[in-house]
């Protein structure tokens, strides 16, 4: 989980149910190629998960390019 991410754009917000609870999230996309890299927590719907708000989850395999 990251506080900041560079060279990304956010998609539209949507509601989702995850293992840890219900959240409003937005997809995170590469600003150059448009590949989806992960998501950003916008809002937690229960108090115990509010620490995740504003943080990014980026999938490592989608950020690495094979050479």
PDB file of N, CA and C in Angstrom:
ATOM      1  N   UNK A   1       0.840  -1.165   0.000  1.00  0.00           N
ATOM      2  CA  UNK A   1       0.000   0.000   0.000  1.00  0.00           C
ATOM      3  C   UNK A   1       0.893   1.239   0.000  1.00  0.00           C
ATOM      4  N   UNK A   2       0.514   2.217  -0.791  1.00  0.00           N
ATOM      5  CA  UNK A   2       1.319   3.427  -0.950  1.00  0.00           C
ATOM      6  C   UNK A   2       0.478   4.664  -0.670  1.00  0.00           C
ATOM      7  N   UNK A   3       1.124   5.703  -0.153  1.00  0.00           N
ATOM      8  CA  UNK A   3       0.437   6.985   0.045  1.00  0.00           C
ATOM      9  C   UNK A   3       0.408   7.805  -1.243  1.00  0.00           C
ATOM     10  N   UNK A   4       1.440   7.659  -2.065  1.00  0.00           N
ATOM     11  CA  UNK A   4       1.560   8.444  -3.297  1.00  0.00           C
ATOM     12  C   UNK A   4       1.873   7.521  -4.467  1.00  0.00           C
ATOM     13  N   UNK A   5       1.385   7.878  -5.634  1.00  0.00           N
ATOM     14  CA  UNK A   5       1.703   7.151  -6.862  1.00  0.00           C
ATOM     15  C   UNK A   5       1.899   8.187  -7.966  1.00  0.00           C
ATOM     16  N   UNK A   6       2.900   7.949  -8.799  1.00  0.00           N
ATOM     17  CA  UNK A   6       3.212   8.895  -9.874  1.00  0.00           C
ATOM     18  C   UNK A   6       2.893   8.275 -11.225  1.00  0.00           C
ATOM     19  N   UNK A   7       2.630   9.133 -12.200  1.00  0.00           N
ATOM     20  CA  UNK A   7       2.369   8.732 -13.585  1.00  0.00           C
ATOM     21  C   UNK A   7       1.163   7.803 -13.698  1.00  0.00           C
ATOM     22  N   UNK A   8       0.147   8.084 -12.899  1.00  0.00           N
ATOM     23  CA  UNK A   8      -1.087   7.310 -12.951  1.00  0.00           C
ATOM     24  C   UNK A   8      -2.275   8.257 -13.062  1.00  0.00           C
ATOM     25  N   UNK A   9      -3.379   7.727 -13.543  1.00  0.00           N
ATOM     26  CA  UNK A   9      -4.646   8.446 -13.571  1.00  0.00           C
ATOM     27  C   UNK A   9      -5.690   7.564 -12.892  1.00  0.00           C
ATOM     28  N   UNK A  10      -6.689   8.205 -12.311  1.00  0.00           N
ATOM     29  CA  UNK A  10      -7.754   7.473 -11.627  1.00  0.00           C
ATOM     30  C   UNK A  10      -8.967   7.316 -12.531  1.00  0.00           C
ATOM     31  N   UNK A  11      -9.591   6.166 -12.440  1.00  0.00           N
ATOM     32  CA  UNK A  11     -10.835   5.913 -13.139  1.00  0.00           C
ATOM     33  C   UNK A  11     -12.003   6.376 -12.283  1.00  0.00           C
ATOM     34  N   UNK A  12     -13.225   6.061 -12.716  1.00  0.00           N
ATOM     35  CA  UNK A  12     -14.400   6.449 -11.932  1.00  0.00           C
ATOM     36  C   UNK A  12     -14.486   5.685 -10.611  1.00  0.00           C
ATOM     37  N   UNK A  13     -15.136   6.298  -9.636  1.00  0.00           N
ATOM     38  CA  UNK A  13     -15.331   5.664  -8.335  1.00  0.00           C
ATOM     39  C   UNK A  13     -16.417   4.593  -8.443  1.00  0.00           C
ATOM     40  N   UNK A  14     -16.258   3.538  -7.628  1.00  0.00           N
ATOM     41  CA  UNK A  14     -17.303   2.517  -7.547  1.00  0.00           C
ATOM     42  C   UNK A  14     -17.249   1.838  -6.184  1.00  0.00           C
ATOM     43  N   UNK A  15     -18.360   1.247  -5.796  1.00  0.00           N
ATOM     44  CA  UNK A  15     -18.468   0.530  -4.526  1.00  0.00           C
ATOM     45  C   UNK A  15     -18.051  -0.920  -4.740  1.00  0.00           C
ATOM     46  N   UNK A  16     -17.333  -1.490  -3.763  1.00  0.00           N
ATOM     47  CA  UNK A  16     -16.945  -2.887  -3.856  1.00  0.00           C
ATOM     48  C   UNK A  16     -16.887  -3.513  -2.473  1.00  0.00           C
ATOM     49  N   UNK A  17     -17.187  -4.790  -2.424  1.00  0.00           N
ATOM     50  CA  UNK A  17     -17.071  -5.560  -1.190  1.00  0.00           C
ATOM     51  C   UNK A  17     -15.765  -6.340  -1.247  1.00  0.00           C
ATOM     52  N   UNK A  18     -14.887  -6.103  -0.287  1.00  0.00           N
ATOM     53  CA  UNK A  18     -13.616  -6.821  -0.203  1.00  0.00           C
ATOM     54  C   UNK A  18     -13.637  -7.687   1.050  1.00  0.00           C
ATOM     55  N   UNK A  19     -12.630  -8.495   1.215  1.00  0.00           N
ATOM     56  CA  UNK A  19     -12.562  -9.376   2.382  1.00  0.00           C
ATOM     57  C   UNK A  19     -12.621  -8.573   3.681  1.00  0.00           C
ATOM     58  N   UNK A  20     -11.980  -7.413   3.709  1.00  0.00           N
ATOM     59  CA  UNK A  20     -11.912  -6.610   4.931  1.00  0.00           C
ATOM     60  C   UNK A  20     -13.083  -5.658   5.112  1.00  0.00           C
ATOM     61  N   UNK A  21     -14.005  -5.605   4.159  1.00  0.00           N
ATOM     62  CA  UNK A  21     -15.177  -4.743   4.301  1.00  0.00           C
ATOM     63  C   UNK A  21     -15.576  -4.078   3.000  1.00  0.00           C
ATOM     64  N   UNK A  22     -16.528  -3.155   3.112  1.00  0.00           N
ATOM     65  CA  UNK A  22     -17.054  -2.447   1.947  1.00  0.00           C
ATOM     66  C   UNK A  22     -16.305  -1.131   1.780  1.00  0.00           C
ATOM     67  N   UNK A  23     -15.968  -0.804   0.528  1.00  0.00           N
ATOM     68  CA  UNK A  23     -15.191   0.396   0.231  1.00  0.00           C
ATOM     69  C   UNK A  23     -15.705   1.074  -1.031  1.00  0.00           C
ATOM     70  N   UNK A  24     -15.440   2.371  -1.123  1.00  0.00           N
ATOM     71  CA  UNK A  24     -15.529   3.099  -2.380  1.00  0.00           C
ATOM     72  C   UNK A  24     -14.093   3.187  -2.883  1.00  0.00           C
ATOM     73  N   UNK A  25     -13.851   2.739  -4.104  1.00  0.00           N
ATOM     74  CA  UNK A  25     -12.513   2.719  -4.678  1.00  0.00           C
ATOM     75  C   UNK A  25     -12.550   3.325  -6.077  1.00  0.00           C
ATOM     76  N   UNK A  26     -11.366   3.597  -6.611  1.00  0.00           N
ATOM     77  CA  UNK A  26     -11.222   4.050  -7.989  1.00  0.00           C
ATOM     78  C   UNK A  26     -10.072   3.266  -8.603  1.00  0.00           C
ATOM     79  N   UNK A  27     -10.231   2.835  -9.836  1.00  0.00           N
ATOM     80  CA  UNK A  27      -9.164   2.131 -10.532  1.00  0.00           C
ATOM     81  C   UNK A  27      -7.987   3.059 -10.767  1.00  0.00           C
ATOM     82  N   UNK A  28      -6.780   2.507 -10.765  1.00  0.00           N
ATOM     83  CA  UNK A  28      -5.551   3.262 -11.017  1.00  0.00           C
ATOM     84  C   UNK A  28      -4.963   2.744 -12.327  1.00  0.00           C
ATOM     85  N   UNK A  29      -4.710   3.662 -13.262  1.00  0.00           N
ATOM     86  CA  UNK A  29      -4.246   3.305 -14.599  1.00  0.00           C
ATOM     87  C   UNK A  29      -2.955   4.030 -14.925  1.00  0.00           C
ATOM     88  N   UNK A  30      -2.093   3.381 -15.703  1.00  0.00           N
ATOM     89  CA  UNK A  30      -0.865   3.996 -16.186  1.00  0.00           C
ATOM     90  C   UNK A  30      -1.227   5.186 -17.078  1.00  0.00           C
ATOM     91  N   UNK A  31      -0.592   6.333 -16.840  1.00  0.00           N
ATOM     92  CA  UNK A  31      -0.904   7.521 -17.638  1.00  0.00           C
ATOM     93  C   UNK A  31      -0.344   7.425 -19.053  1.00  0.00           C
ATOM     94  N   UNK A  32       0.606   6.520 -19.290  1.00  0.00           N
ATOM     95  CA  UNK A  32       1.197   6.388 -20.621  1.00  0.00           C
ATOM     96  C   UNK A  32       0.457   5.363 -21.482  1.00  0.00           C
ATOM     97  N   UNK A  33       0.301   4.135 -20.959  1.00  0.00           N
ATOM     98  CA  UNK A  33      -0.284   3.062 -21.785  1.00  0.00           C
ATOM     99  C   UNK A  33      -1.733   2.736 -21.439  1.00  0.00           C
ATOM    100  N   UNK A  34      -2.225   3.211 -20.296  1.00  0.00           N
ATOM    101  CA  UNK A  34      -3.613   2.965 -19.915  1.00  0.00           C
ATOM    102  C   UNK A  34      -3.866   1.631 -19.229  1.00  0.00           C
ATOM    103  N   UNK A  35      -2.816   0.846 -18.971  1.00  0.00           N
ATOM    104  CA  UNK A  35      -2.963  -0.444 -18.300  1.00  0.00           C
ATOM    105  C   UNK A  35      -3.451  -0.234 -16.860  1.00  0.00           C
ATOM    106  N   UNK A  36      -4.413  -1.056 -16.433  1.00  0.00           N
ATOM    107  CA  UNK A  36      -4.883  -0.971 -15.054  1.00  0.00           C
ATOM    108  C   UNK A  36      -3.817  -1.564 -14.133  1.00  0.00           C
ATOM    109  N   UNK A  37      -3.429  -0.797 -13.103  1.00  0.00           N
ATOM    110  CA  UNK A  37      -2.353  -1.205 -12.212  1.00  0.00           C
ATOM    111  C   UNK A  37      -2.838  -1.601 -10.825  1.00  0.00           C
ATOM    112  N   UNK A  38      -4.023  -1.172 -10.445  1.00  0.00           N
ATOM    113  CA  UNK A  38      -4.529  -1.458  -9.109  1.00  0.00           C
ATOM    114  C   UNK A  38      -5.714  -0.571  -8.789  1.00  0.00           C
ATOM    115  N   UNK A  39      -5.796  -0.110  -7.534  1.00  0.00           N
ATOM    116  CA  UNK A  39      -6.905   0.731  -7.131  1.00  0.00           C
ATOM    117  C   UNK A  39      -6.481   1.669  -6.005  1.00  0.00           C
ATOM    118  N   UNK A  40      -7.316   2.688  -5.776  1.00  0.00           N
ATOM    119  CA  UNK A  40      -7.114   3.626  -4.683  1.00  0.00           C
ATOM    120  C   UNK A  40      -8.340   3.576  -3.792  1.00  0.00           C
ATOM    121  N   UNK A  41      -8.117   3.459  -2.483  1.00  0.00           N
ATOM    122  CA  UNK A  41      -9.217   3.497  -1.528  1.00  0.00           C
ATOM    123  C   UNK A  41      -9.680   4.940  -1.389  1.00  0.00           C
ATOM    124  N   UNK A  42     -10.924   5.198  -1.704  1.00  0.00           N
ATOM    125  CA  UNK A  42     -11.491   6.535  -1.580  1.00  0.00           C
ATOM    126  C   UNK A  42     -12.170   6.690  -0.224  1.00  0.00           C
ATOM    127  N   UNK A  43     -13.013   5.711   0.134  1.00  0.00           N
ATOM    128  CA  UNK A  43     -13.748   5.781   1.398  1.00  0.00           C
ATOM    129  C   UNK A  43     -13.987   4.380   1.944  1.00  0.00           C
ATOM    130  N   UNK A  44     -13.779   4.228   3.249  1.00  0.00           N
ATOM    131  CA  UNK A  44     -14.112   2.980   3.944  1.00  0.00           C
ATOM    132  C   UNK A  44     -15.499   3.158   4.562  1.00  0.00           C
ATOM    133  N   UNK A  45     -16.297   2.104   4.543  1.00  0.00           N
ATOM    134  CA  UNK A  45     -17.657   2.205   5.073  1.00  0.00           C
ATOM    135  C   UNK A  45     -17.772   1.710   6.508  1.00  0.00           C
ATOM    136  N   UNK A  46     -16.639   1.376   7.135  1.00  0.00           N
ATOM    137  CA  UNK A  46     -16.646   1.111   8.574  1.00  0.00           C
ATOM    138  C   UNK A  46     -15.413   1.754   9.189  1.00  0.00           C
ATOM    139  N   UNK A  47     -15.515   2.101  10.448  1.00  0.00           N
ATOM    140  CA  UNK A  47     -14.477   2.890  11.127  1.00  0.00           C
ATOM    141  C   UNK A  47     -13.124   2.173  11.225  1.00  0.00           C
ATOM    142  N   UNK A  48     -13.113   0.856  11.342  1.00  0.00           N
ATOM    143  CA  UNK A  48     -11.834   0.172  11.545  1.00  0.00           C
ATOM    144  C   UNK A  48     -10.950   0.163  10.301  1.00  0.00           C
ATOM    145  N   UNK A  49     -11.494   0.517   9.139  1.00  0.00           N
ATOM    146  CA  UNK A  49     -10.712   0.538   7.903  1.00  0.00           C
ATOM    147  C   UNK A  49     -10.436   1.940   7.366  1.00  0.00           C
ATOM    148  N   UNK A  50     -10.729   2.957   8.144  1.00  0.00           N
ATOM    149  CA  UNK A  50     -10.519   4.323   7.641  1.00  0.00           C
ATOM    150  C   UNK A  50      -9.046   4.644   7.403  1.00  0.00           C
ATOM    151  N   UNK A  51      -8.138   3.901   8.019  1.00  0.00           N
ATOM    152  CA  UNK A  51      -6.704   4.138   7.802  1.00  0.00           C
ATOM    153  C   UNK A  51      -6.296   3.863   6.357  1.00  0.00           C
ATOM    154  N   UNK A  52      -7.107   3.117   5.606  1.00  0.00           N
ATOM    155  CA  UNK A  52      -6.796   2.806   4.210  1.00  0.00           C
ATOM    156  C   UNK A  52      -7.185   3.933   3.252  1.00  0.00           C
ATOM    157  N   UNK A  53      -8.024   4.835   3.692  1.00  0.00           N
ATOM    158  CA  UNK A  53      -8.523   5.902   2.811  1.00  0.00           C
ATOM    159  C   UNK A  53      -7.374   6.729   2.243  1.00  0.00           C
ATOM    160  N   UNK A  54      -7.417   6.946   0.935  1.00  0.00           N
ATOM    161  CA  UNK A  54      -6.397   7.747   0.252  1.00  0.00           C
ATOM    162  C   UNK A  54      -5.159   6.974  -0.154  1.00  0.00           C
ATOM    163  N   UNK A  55      -5.099   5.692   0.159  1.00  0.00           N
ATOM    164  CA  UNK A  55      -3.916   4.891  -0.173  1.00  0.00           C
ATOM    165  C   UNK A  55      -4.133   4.093  -1.460  1.00  0.00           C
ATOM    166  N   UNK A  56      -3.024   3.800  -2.125  1.00  0.00           N
ATOM    167  CA  UNK A  56      -3.013   3.069  -3.385  1.00  0.00           C
ATOM    168  C   UNK A  56      -2.580   1.626  -3.167  1.00  0.00           C
ATOM    169  N   UNK A  57      -3.186   0.722  -3.913  1.00  0.00           N
ATOM    170  CA  UNK A  57      -2.730  -0.666  -3.987  1.00  0.00           C
ATOM    171  C   UNK A  57      -2.353  -0.895  -5.445  1.00  0.00           C
ATOM    172  N   UNK A  58      -1.075  -1.200  -5.677  1.00  0.00           N
ATOM    173  CA  UNK A  58      -0.578  -1.417  -7.031  1.00  0.00           C
ATOM    174  C   UNK A  58      -0.072  -2.851  -7.149  1.00  0.00           C
ATOM    175  N   UNK A  59      -0.501  -3.533  -8.185  1.00  0.00           N
ATOM    176  CA  UNK A  59      -0.090  -4.912  -8.399  1.00  0.00           C
ATOM    177  C   UNK A  59       1.299  -4.926  -9.028  1.00  0.00           C
ATOM    178  N   UNK A  60       2.242  -5.523  -8.322  1.00  0.00           N
ATOM    179  CA  UNK A  60       3.645  -5.507  -8.736  1.00  0.00           C
ATOM    180  C   UNK A  60       3.852  -6.088 -10.128  1.00  0.00           C
ATOM    181  N   UNK A  61       3.208  -7.200 -10.430  1.00  0.00           N
ATOM    182  CA  UNK A  61       3.404  -7.843 -11.733  1.00  0.00           C
ATOM    183  C   UNK A  61       2.962  -6.970 -12.897  1.00  0.00           C
ATOM    184  N   UNK A  62       1.992  -6.078 -12.661  1.00  0.00           N
ATOM    185  CA  UNK A  62       1.524  -5.215 -13.741  1.00  0.00           C
ATOM    186  C   UNK A  62       2.429  -4.008 -13.956  1.00  0.00           C
ATOM    187  N   UNK A  63       3.324  -3.739 -13.012  1.00  0.00           N
ATOM    188  CA  UNK A  63       4.226  -2.592 -13.144  1.00  0.00           C
ATOM    189  C   UNK A  63       5.565  -2.973 -13.765  1.00  0.00           C
ATOM    190  N   UNK A  64       5.909  -4.237 -13.752  1.00  0.00           N
ATOM    191  CA  UNK A  64       7.195  -4.677 -14.284  1.00  0.00           C
ATOM    192  C   UNK A  64       7.071  -5.062 -15.750  1.00  0.00           C
ATOM    193  N   UNK A  65       8.017  -4.629 -16.541  1.00  0.00           N
ATOM    194  CA  UNK A  65       8.034  -4.982 -17.957  1.00  0.00           C
ATOM    195  C   UNK A  65       9.110  -6.043 -18.185  1.00  0.00           C
ATOM    196  N   UNK A  66       8.814  -7.090 -18.917  1.00  0.00           N
ATOM    197  CA  UNK A  66       9.859  -8.059 -19.244  1.00  0.00           C
ATOM    198  C   UNK A  66      10.832  -7.478 -20.263  1.00  0.00           C
ATOM    199  N   UNK A  67      12.109  -7.712 -20.060  1.00  0.00           N
ATOM    200  CA  UNK A  67      13.131  -7.197 -20.983  1.00  0.00           C
ATOM    201  C   UNK A  67      13.771  -8.326 -21.739  1.00  0.00           C
TER     202      UNK A  67
END
